[in-house]
Protein backbone atom coordinates (compact mmCIF):
# COMPACT_ATOMS: atom_id res chain seq x y z
CA MET A 1 15.17 -7.74 -1.35
CA ALA A 2 14.01 -10.99 0.17
CA SER A 3 15.63 -14.26 -0.79
CA LYS A 4 14.07 -16.84 -3.10
CA ARG A 5 13.46 -19.02 -0.06
CA THR A 6 11.21 -16.33 1.45
CA PHE A 7 9.10 -16.07 -1.70
CA VAL A 8 8.69 -19.87 -1.79
CA LYS A 9 7.58 -19.88 1.85
CA MET A 10 5.15 -17.03 1.13
CA SER A 11 3.41 -19.09 -1.55
CA GLN A 12 2.88 -22.09 0.74
CA LYS A 13 -0.16 -22.30 3.01
CA PRO A 14 0.85 -22.16 6.70
CA LYS A 15 0.07 -25.09 8.99
CA PHE A 16 -1.96 -22.81 11.26
CA SER A 17 -3.92 -19.72 10.18
CA THR A 18 -2.32 -17.54 12.88
CA ARG A 19 1.09 -18.00 11.26
CA LYS A 20 0.03 -16.14 8.15
CA ARG A 21 2.15 -13.03 7.65
CA SER A 22 1.39 -10.18 5.29
CA ARG A 23 4.38 -9.48 3.08
CA CYS A 24 5.05 -7.18 0.15
CA GLU A 25 4.38 -8.88 -3.18
CA ILE A 26 7.34 -7.12 -4.81
CA THR A 27 10.11 -7.05 -2.22
CA GLY A 28 8.97 -9.56 0.41
CA ARG A 29 9.21 -6.98 3.19
CA GLY A 30 7.22 -7.97 6.28
CA ARG A 31 6.69 -4.56 7.83
CA GLY A 32 4.71 -1.56 6.64
CA VAL A 33 2.53 -3.57 4.25
CA TYR A 34 -0.75 -2.03 3.07
CA ARG A 35 -3.46 -4.70 2.94
CA LYS A 36 -5.39 -3.02 0.14
CA PHE A 37 -2.44 -2.95 -2.25
CA ARG A 38 -0.40 -5.85 -0.77
CA VAL A 39 2.83 -3.84 -1.13
CA CYS A 40 5.10 -2.17 1.41
CA ARG A 41 5.12 1.57 1.96
CA HIS A 42 8.33 2.05 -0.01
CA MET A 43 6.99 0.34 -3.10
CA LEU A 44 3.61 2.05 -2.75
CA ARG A 45 5.33 5.43 -2.86
CA GLU A 46 7.40 4.47 -5.89
CA LEU A 47 4.38 3.11 -7.75
CA ALA A 48 2.33 6.21 -6.90
CA LEU A 49 5.08 8.51 -8.19
CA GLN A 50 5.19 6.53 -11.44
CA GLY A 51 1.41 6.81 -11.77
CA MET A 52 0.82 3.07 -11.46
CA VAL A 53 -1.71 3.38 -8.60
CA PRO A 54 -5.01 4.81 -9.86
CA GLY A 55 -6.38 7.71 -7.83
CA MET A 56 -3.20 8.26 -5.86
CA ARG A 57 -0.84 11.17 -6.37
CA LYS A 58 1.88 12.97 -4.48
CA ALA A 59 0.54 15.28 -1.82
CA SER A 60 1.51 18.95 -1.98
CA TRP A 61 0.09 21.88 -0.05
């Protein structure tokens, strides 16, 4: 889990547009973030298993 300082920095607008970094809205993780959902892959899986993401379900074949 990211620190409070990271969440504060995420809410501020960067000085330059190239410094913008996509981070997970829940955990603050900077890697593996899906743009469409704005959450990291770990949280996306958890939310999908709980049925919180419409149209997404666990794959089985």
